[in-house]
Amino acid sequence: MENSELYQQIDQLLEYERDQEILLLLEDVHSSDIAELFKLFDKEERERIFRILPSDIAAAVLPELNDYTEKTISENLDDLV
């Protein structure tokens, strides 16, 4: 699935608070691809998606993020988990 298509699906699911469906979409996506997707979302959406991810996937995504995104998520990590 292409990132733009996945972005649109996740964006719509975020709007309708369908977190479980977001998880199902992302569970087979490589961590570097999830990190690329994060660039398309605003800070609040990234944090929400990060909260949805299981800890093993979140741990794999974190080092794949750009410095700014990693910093903002890391700063709020206690609130996110």
PDB file of N, CA and C in Angstrom:
ATOM      1  N   MET A   1       0.852  -1.175   0.000  1.00  0.00           N
ATOM      2  CA  MET A   1       0.000   0.000   0.000  1.00  0.00           C
ATOM      3  C   MET A   1       0.893   1.232   0.000  1.00  0.00           C
ATOM      4  N   GLU A   2       0.558   2.199  -0.801  1.00  0.00           N
ATOM      5  CA  GLU A   2       1.319   3.424  -0.929  1.00  0.00           C
ATOM      6  C   GLU A   2       1.097   4.315   0.295  1.00  0.00           C
ATOM      7  N   ASN A   3       2.142   5.078   0.671  1.00  0.00           N
ATOM      8  CA  ASN A   3       2.058   5.925   1.862  1.00  0.00           C
ATOM      9  C   ASN A   3       0.908   6.917   1.802  1.00  0.00           C
ATOM     10  N   SER A   4       0.661   7.520   0.643  1.00  0.00           N
ATOM     11  CA  SER A   4      -0.420   8.504   0.559  1.00  0.00           C
ATOM     12  C   SER A   4      -1.788   7.851   0.780  1.00  0.00           C
ATOM     13  N   GLU A   5      -1.945   6.642   0.269  1.00  0.00           N
ATOM     14  CA  GLU A   5      -3.202   5.909   0.476  1.00  0.00           C
ATOM     15  C   GLU A   5      -3.352   5.518   1.950  1.00  0.00           C
ATOM     16  N   LEU A   6      -2.267   5.045   2.534  1.00  0.00           N
ATOM     17  CA  LEU A   6      -2.280   4.672   3.947  1.00  0.00           C
ATOM     18  C   LEU A   6      -2.540   5.899   4.817  1.00  0.00           C
ATOM     19  N   TYR A   7      -1.907   7.011   4.461  1.00  0.00           N
ATOM     20  CA  TYR A   7      -2.135   8.270   5.186  1.00  0.00           C
ATOM     21  C   TYR A   7      -3.615   8.623   5.180  1.00  0.00           C
ATOM     22  N   GLN A   8      -4.242   8.570   4.016  1.00  0.00           N
ATOM     23  CA  GLN A   8      -5.657   8.929   3.910  1.00  0.00           C
ATOM     24  C   GLN A   8      -6.532   8.019   4.767  1.00  0.00           C
ATOM     25  N   GLN A   9      -6.224   6.734   4.749  1.00  0.00           N
ATOM     26  CA  GLN A   9      -7.006   5.793   5.557  1.00  0.00           C
ATOM     27  C   GLN A   9      -6.839   6.085   7.047  1.00  0.00           C
ATOM     28  N   ILE A  10      -5.596   6.298   7.471  1.00  0.00           N
ATOM     29  CA  ILE A  10      -5.348   6.562   8.888  1.00  0.00           C
ATOM     30  C   ILE A  10      -5.959   7.889   9.299  1.00  0.00           C
ATOM     31  N   ASP A  11      -5.836   8.895   8.451  1.00  0.00           N
ATOM     32  CA  ASP A  11      -6.406  10.202   8.750  1.00  0.00           C
ATOM     33  C   ASP A  11      -7.908  10.105   8.991  1.00  0.00           C
ATOM     34  N   GLN A  12      -8.575   9.351   8.136  1.00  0.00           N
ATOM     35  CA  GLN A  12     -10.015   9.171   8.299  1.00  0.00           C
ATOM     36  C   GLN A  12     -10.331   8.396   9.584  1.00  0.00           C
ATOM     37  N   LEU A  13      -9.543   7.367   9.855  1.00  0.00           N
ATOM     38  CA  LEU A  13      -9.771   6.581  11.073  1.00  0.00           C
ATOM     39  C   LEU A  13      -9.503   7.403  12.331  1.00  0.00           C
ATOM     40  N   LEU A  14      -8.522   8.295  12.278  1.00  0.00           N
ATOM     41  CA  LEU A  14      -8.267   9.188  13.415  1.00  0.00           C
ATOM     42  C   LEU A  14      -9.477  10.072  13.669  1.00  0.00           C
ATOM     43  N   GLU A  15     -10.050  10.574  12.597  1.00  0.00           N
ATOM     44  CA  GLU A  15     -11.211  11.449  12.712  1.00  0.00           C
ATOM     45  C   GLU A  15     -12.374  10.751  13.408  1.00  0.00           C
ATOM     46  N   TYR A  16     -12.529   9.461  13.132  1.00  0.00           N
ATOM     47  CA  TYR A  16     -13.635   8.697  13.716  1.00  0.00           C
ATOM     48  C   TYR A  16     -13.228   7.883  14.946  1.00  0.00           C
ATOM     49  N   GLU A  17     -12.013   8.149  15.433  1.00  0.00           N
ATOM     50  CA  GLU A  17     -11.493   7.510  16.650  1.00  0.00           C
ATOM     51  C   GLU A  17     -11.552   5.983  16.563  1.00  0.00           C
ATOM     52  N   ARG A  18     -11.079   5.444  15.468  1.00  0.00           N
ATOM     53  CA  ARG A  18     -11.086   3.998  15.235  1.00  0.00           C
ATOM     54  C   ARG A  18      -9.665   3.463  15.428  1.00  0.00           C
ATOM     55  N   ASP A  19      -9.176   3.582  16.651  1.00  0.00           N
ATOM     56  CA  ASP A  19      -7.787   3.256  16.967  1.00  0.00           C
ATOM     57  C   ASP A  19      -7.425   1.804  16.659  1.00  0.00           C
ATOM     58  N   GLN A  20      -8.321   0.895  16.934  1.00  0.00           N
ATOM     59  CA  GLN A  20      -8.032  -0.525  16.687  1.00  0.00           C
ATOM     60  C   GLN A  20      -7.805  -0.786  15.200  1.00  0.00           C
ATOM     61  N   GLU A  21      -8.557  -0.110  14.362  1.00  0.00           N
ATOM     62  CA  GLU A  21      -8.378  -0.277  12.918  1.00  0.00           C
ATOM     63  C   GLU A  21      -7.057   0.324  12.445  1.00  0.00           C
ATOM     64  N   ILE A  22      -6.641   1.415  13.087  1.00  0.00           N
ATOM     65  CA  ILE A  22      -5.331   1.999  12.774  1.00  0.00           C
ATOM     66  C   ILE A  22      -4.248   0.988  13.116  1.00  0.00           C
ATOM     67  N   LEU A  23      -4.360   0.384  14.266  1.00  0.00           N
ATOM     68  CA  LEU A  23      -3.383  -0.630  14.679  1.00  0.00           C
ATOM     69  C   LEU A  23      -3.324  -1.774  13.666  1.00  0.00           C
ATOM     70  N   LEU A  24      -4.469  -2.236  13.228  1.00  0.00           N
ATOM     71  CA  LEU A  24      -4.505  -3.324  12.243  1.00  0.00           C
ATOM     72  C   LEU A  24      -3.830  -2.922  10.931  1.00  0.00           C
ATOM     73  N   LEU A  25      -4.001  -1.672  10.531  1.00  0.00           N
ATOM     74  CA  LEU A  25      -3.349  -1.190   9.312  1.00  0.00           C
ATOM     75  C   LEU A  25      -1.830  -1.128   9.462  1.00  0.00           C
ATOM     76  N   LEU A  26      -1.375  -0.755  10.650  1.00  0.00           N
ATOM     77  CA  LEU A  26       0.056  -0.506  10.846  1.00  0.00           C
ATOM     78  C   LEU A  26       0.856  -1.707  11.329  1.00  0.00           C
ATOM     79  N   GLU A  27       0.203  -2.747  11.810  1.00  0.00           N
ATOM     80  CA  GLU A  27       0.938  -3.833  12.430  1.00  0.00           C
ATOM     81  C   GLU A  27       1.886  -4.562  11.480  1.00  0.00           C
ATOM     82  N   ASP A  28       1.628  -4.530  10.180  1.00  0.00           N
ATOM     83  CA  ASP A  28       2.504  -5.196   9.218  1.00  0.00           C
ATOM     84  C   ASP A  28       3.343  -4.214   8.393  1.00  0.00           C
ATOM     85  N   VAL A  29       3.301  -2.933   8.773  1.00  0.00           N
ATOM     86  CA  VAL A  29       4.065  -1.912   8.064  1.00  0.00           C
ATOM     87  C   VAL A  29       5.433  -1.798   8.723  1.00  0.00           C
ATOM     88  N   HIS A  30       6.483  -1.723   7.916  1.00  0.00           N
ATOM     89  CA  HIS A  30       7.851  -1.621   8.445  1.00  0.00           C
ATOM     90  C   HIS A  30       8.015  -0.326   9.231  1.00  0.00           C
ATOM     91  N   SER A  31       8.823  -0.374  10.270  1.00  0.00           N
ATOM     92  CA  SER A  31       9.017   0.782  11.152  1.00  0.00           C
ATOM     93  C   SER A  31       9.500   2.022  10.399  1.00  0.00           C
ATOM     94  N   SER A  32      10.354   1.856   9.396  1.00  0.00           N
ATOM     95  CA  SER A  32      10.823   3.026   8.637  1.00  0.00           C
ATOM     96  C   SER A  32       9.692   3.631   7.810  1.00  0.00           C
ATOM     97  N   ASP A  33       8.757   2.810   7.356  1.00  0.00           N
ATOM     98  CA  ASP A  33       7.604   3.323   6.618  1.00  0.00           C
ATOM     99  C   ASP A  33       6.635   4.056   7.550  1.00  0.00           C
ATOM    100  N   ILE A  34       6.485   3.557   8.760  1.00  0.00           N
ATOM    101  CA  ILE A  34       5.656   4.258   9.748  1.00  0.00           C
ATOM    102  C   ILE A  34       6.286   5.604  10.061  1.00  0.00           C
ATOM    103  N   ALA A  35       7.602   5.637  10.223  1.00  0.00           N
ATOM    104  CA  ALA A  35       8.307   6.896  10.485  1.00  0.00           C
ATOM    105  C   ALA A  35       8.085   7.881   9.336  1.00  0.00           C
ATOM    106  N   GLU A  36       8.106   7.399   8.116  1.00  0.00           N
ATOM    107  CA  GLU A  36       7.841   8.263   6.957  1.00  0.00           C
ATOM    108  C   GLU A  36       6.408   8.795   7.004  1.00  0.00           C
ATOM    109  N   LEU A  37       5.479   7.952   7.399  1.00  0.00           N
ATOM    110  CA  LEU A  37       4.077   8.375   7.524  1.00  0.00           C
ATOM    111  C   LEU A  37       3.929   9.483   8.562  1.00  0.00           C
ATOM    112  N   PHE A  38       4.703   9.394   9.634  1.00  0.00           N
ATOM    113  CA  PHE A  38       4.602  10.387  10.702  1.00  0.00           C
ATOM    114  C   PHE A  38       4.844  11.793  10.171  1.00  0.00           C
ATOM    115  N   LYS A  39       5.646  11.938   9.133  1.00  0.00           N
ATOM    116  CA  LYS A  39       5.934  13.253   8.558  1.00  0.00           C
ATOM    117  C   LYS A  39       4.681  13.915   8.006  1.00  0.00           C
ATOM    118  N   LEU A  40       3.695  13.128   7.672  1.00  0.00           N
ATOM    119  CA  LEU A  40       2.475  13.640   7.054  1.00  0.00           C
ATOM    120  C   LEU A  40       1.442  14.121   8.079  1.00  0.00           C
ATOM    121  N   PHE A  41       1.620  13.744   9.331  1.00  0.00           N
ATOM    122  CA  PHE A  41       0.659  14.093  10.375  1.00  0.00           C
ATOM    123  C   PHE A  41       1.175  15.227  11.242  1.00  0.00           C
ATOM    124  N   ASP A  42       0.256  15.937  11.867  1.00  0.00           N
ATOM    125  CA  ASP A  42       0.692  16.984  12.792  1.00  0.00           C
ATOM    126  C   ASP A  42       1.106  16.351  14.126  1.00  0.00           C
ATOM    127  N   LYS A  43       1.629  17.164  15.016  1.00  0.00           N
ATOM    128  CA  LYS A  43       2.199  16.684  16.282  1.00  0.00           C
ATOM    129  C   LYS A  43       1.192  15.866  17.091  1.00  0.00           C
ATOM    130  N   GLU A  44      -0.017  16.369  17.234  1.00  0.00           N
ATOM    131  CA  GLU A  44      -1.026  15.669  18.035  1.00  0.00           C
ATOM    132  C   GLU A  44      -1.400  14.325  17.412  1.00  0.00           C
ATOM    133  N   GLU A  45      -1.516  14.306  16.095  1.00  0.00           N
ATOM    134  CA  GLU A  45      -1.854  13.051  15.419  1.00  0.00           C
ATOM    135  C   GLU A  45      -0.722  12.034  15.552  1.00  0.00           C
ATOM    136  N   ARG A  46       0.526  12.499  15.411  1.00  0.00           N
ATOM    137  CA  ARG A  46       1.676  11.592  15.578  1.00  0.00           C
ATOM    138  C   ARG A  46       1.688  10.986  16.969  1.00  0.00           C
ATOM    139  N   GLU A  47       1.450  11.812  17.970  1.00  0.00           N
ATOM    140  CA  GLU A  47       1.448  11.317  19.346  1.00  0.00           C
ATOM    141  C   GLU A  47       0.323  10.313  19.564  1.00  0.00           C
ATOM    142  N   ARG A  48      -0.816  10.590  18.987  1.00  0.00           N
ATOM    143  CA  ARG A  48      -1.947   9.657  19.128  1.00  0.00           C
ATOM    144  C   ARG A  48      -1.629   8.326  18.463  1.00  0.00           C
ATOM    145  N   ILE A  49      -1.076   8.369  17.251  1.00  0.00           N
ATOM    146  CA  ILE A  49      -0.713   7.132  16.550  1.00  0.00           C
ATOM    147  C   ILE A  49       0.351   6.380  17.345  1.00  0.00           C
ATOM    148  N   PHE A  50       1.320   7.108  17.891  1.00  0.00           N
ATOM    149  CA  PHE A  50       2.378   6.478  18.670  1.00  0.00           C
ATOM    150  C   PHE A  50       1.797   5.749  19.880  1.00  0.00           C
ATOM    151  N   ARG A  51       0.790   6.341  20.521  1.00  0.00           N
ATOM    152  CA  ARG A  51       0.120   5.708  21.679  1.00  0.00           C
ATOM    153  C   ARG A  51      -0.582   4.417  21.274  1.00  0.00           C
ATOM    154  N   ILE A  52      -1.081   4.376  20.049  1.00  0.00           N
ATOM    155  CA  ILE A  52      -1.810   3.204  19.559  1.00  0.00           C
ATOM    156  C   ILE A  52      -0.874   2.019  19.331  1.00  0.00           C
ATOM    157  N   LEU A  53       0.362   2.309  18.950  1.00  0.00           N
ATOM    158  CA  LEU A  53       1.310   1.252  18.600  1.00  0.00           C
ATOM    159  C   LEU A  53       1.694   0.409  19.807  1.00  0.00           C
ATOM    160  N   PRO A  54       1.812  -0.899  19.628  1.00  0.00           N
ATOM    161  CA  PRO A  54       2.351  -1.741  20.707  1.00  0.00           C
ATOM    162  C   PRO A  54       3.792  -1.317  20.989  1.00  0.00           C
ATOM    163  N   SER A  55       4.259  -1.580  22.182  1.00  0.00           N
ATOM    164  CA  SER A  55       5.579  -1.087  22.597  1.00  0.00           C
ATOM    165  C   SER A  55       6.714  -1.577  21.703  1.00  0.00           C
ATOM    166  N   ASP A  56       6.631  -2.799  21.182  1.00  0.00           N
ATOM    167  CA  ASP A  56       7.716  -3.293  20.327  1.00  0.00           C
ATOM    168  C   ASP A  56       7.780  -2.539  19.003  1.00  0.00           C
ATOM    169  N   ILE A  57       6.627  -2.211  18.445  1.00  0.00           N
ATOM    170  CA  ILE A  57       6.605  -1.448  17.191  1.00  0.00           C
ATOM    171  C   ILE A  57       7.025  -0.006  17.461  1.00  0.00           C
ATOM    172  N   ALA A  58       6.512   0.584  18.529  1.00  0.00           N
ATOM    173  CA  ALA A  58       6.886   1.953  18.884  1.00  0.00           C
ATOM    174  C   ALA A  58       8.394   2.072  19.100  1.00  0.00           C
ATOM    175  N   ALA A  59       8.978   1.079  19.768  1.00  0.00           N
ATOM    176  CA  ALA A  59      10.424   1.087  20.010  1.00  0.00           C
ATOM    177  C   ALA A  59      11.208   0.994  18.702  1.00  0.00           C
ATOM    178  N   ALA A  60      10.679   0.295  17.725  1.00  0.00           N
ATOM    179  CA  ALA A  60      11.347   0.187  16.423  1.00  0.00           C
ATOM    180  C   ALA A  60      11.175   1.457  15.593  1.00  0.00           C
ATOM    181  N   VAL A  61      10.056   2.148  15.768  1.00  0.00           N
ATOM    182  CA  VAL A  61       9.781   3.364  15.003  1.00  0.00           C
ATOM    183  C   VAL A  61      10.616   4.539  15.514  1.00  0.00           C
ATOM    184  N   LEU A  62      10.756   4.656  16.812  1.00  0.00           N
ATOM    185  CA  LEU A  62      11.399   5.818  17.420  1.00  0.00           C
ATOM    186  C   LEU A  62      12.754   6.168  16.804  1.00  0.00           C
ATOM    187  N   PRO A  63      13.689   5.239  16.656  1.00  0.00           N
ATOM    188  CA  PRO A  63      14.978   5.613  16.072  1.00  0.00           C
ATOM    189  C   PRO A  63      14.917   5.928  14.567  1.00  0.00           C
ATOM    190  N   GLU A  64      13.807   5.589  13.935  1.00  0.00           N
ATOM    191  CA  GLU A  64      13.642   5.868  12.504  1.00  0.00           C
ATOM    192  C   GLU A  64      13.141   7.286  12.236  1.00  0.00           C
ATOM    193  N   LEU A  65      12.672   7.969  13.280  1.00  0.00           N
ATOM    194  CA  LEU A  65      12.100   9.298  13.118  1.00  0.00           C
ATOM    195  C   LEU A  65      13.189  10.342  12.930  1.00  0.00           C
ATOM    196  N   ASN A  66      12.823  11.461  12.289  1.00  0.00           N
ATOM    197  CA  ASN A  66      13.786  12.546  12.201  1.00  0.00           C
ATOM    198  C   ASN A  66      13.995  13.132  13.597  1.00  0.00           C
ATOM    199  N   ASP A  67      15.047  13.896  13.774  1.00  0.00           N
ATOM    200  CA  ASP A  67      15.428  14.381  15.105  1.00  0.00           C
ATOM    201  C   ASP A  67      14.317  15.164  15.795  1.00  0.00           C
ATOM    202  N   TYR A  68      13.653  16.063  15.074  1.00  0.00           N
ATOM    203  CA  TYR A  68      12.615  16.889  15.687  1.00  0.00           C
ATOM    204  C   TYR A  68      11.444  16.029  16.159  1.00  0.00           C
ATOM    205  N   THR A  69      10.980  15.148  15.294  1.00  0.00           N
ATOM    206  CA  THR A  69       9.833  14.304  15.642  1.00  0.00           C
ATOM    207  C   THR A  69      10.183  13.375  16.794  1.00  0.00           C
ATOM    208  N   GLU A  70      11.378  12.792  16.744  1.00  0.00           N
ATOM    209  CA  GLU A  70      11.807  11.923  17.838  1.00  0.00           C
ATOM    210  C   GLU A  70      11.864  12.696  19.146  1.00  0.00           C
ATOM    211  N   LYS A  71      12.386  13.918  19.098  1.00  0.00           N
ATOM    212  CA  LYS A  71      12.495  14.740  20.310  1.00  0.00           C
ATOM    213  C   LYS A  71      11.117  15.054  20.889  1.00  0.00           C
ATOM    214  N   THR A  72      10.165  15.456  20.036  1.00  0.00           N
ATOM    215  CA  THR A  72       8.845  15.810  20.558  1.00  0.00           C
ATOM    216  C   THR A  72       8.132  14.591  21.135  1.00  0.00           C
ATOM    217  N   ILE A  73       8.290  13.447  20.511  1.00  0.00           N
ATOM    218  CA  ILE A  73       7.665  12.242  21.049  1.00  0.00           C
ATOM    219  C   ILE A  73       8.384  11.805  22.323  1.00  0.00           C
ATOM    220  N   SER A  74       9.703  11.842  22.324  1.00  0.00           N
ATOM    221  CA  SER A  74      10.476  11.419  23.499  1.00  0.00           C
ATOM    222  C   SER A  74      10.171  12.312  24.696  1.00  0.00           C
ATOM    223  N   GLU A  75       9.997  13.609  24.459  1.00  0.00           N
ATOM    224  CA  GLU A  75       9.693  14.535  25.557  1.00  0.00           C
ATOM    225  C   GLU A  75       8.374  14.193  26.227  1.00  0.00           C
ATOM    226  N   ASN A  76       7.448  13.648  25.460  1.00  0.00           N
ATOM    227  CA  ASN A  76       6.113  13.329  25.978  1.00  0.00           C
ATOM    228  C   ASN A  76       5.913  11.835  26.192  1.00  0.00           C
ATOM    229  N   LEU A  77       6.992  11.076  26.192  1.00  0.00           N
ATOM    230  CA  LEU A  77       6.899   9.619  26.238  1.00  0.00           C
ATOM    231  C   LEU A  77       6.139   9.130  27.473  1.00  0.00           C
ATOM    232  N   ASP A  78       6.377   9.709  28.615  1.00  0.00           N
ATOM    233  CA  ASP A  78       5.667   9.270  29.820  1.00  0.00           C
ATOM    234  C   ASP A  78       4.154   9.450  29.681  1.00  0.00           C
ATOM    235  N   ASP A  79       3.763  10.522  28.993  1.00  0.00           N
ATOM    236  CA  ASP A  79       2.339  10.781  28.791  1.00  0.00           C
ATOM    237  C   ASP A  79       1.747   9.890  27.711  1.00  0.00           C
ATOM    238  N   LEU A  80       2.592   9.374  26.817  1.00  0.00           N
ATOM    239  CA  LEU A  80       2.103   8.627  25.663  1.00  0.00           C
ATOM    240  C   LEU A  80       1.895   7.160  25.940  1.00  0.00           C
ATOM    241  N   VAL A  81       2.585   6.611  26.926  1.00  0.00           N
ATOM    242  CA  VAL A  81       2.462   5.170  27.183  1.00  0.00           C
ATOM    243  C   VAL A  81       1.637   4.886  28.413  1.00  0.00           C
TER     244      VAL A  81
END
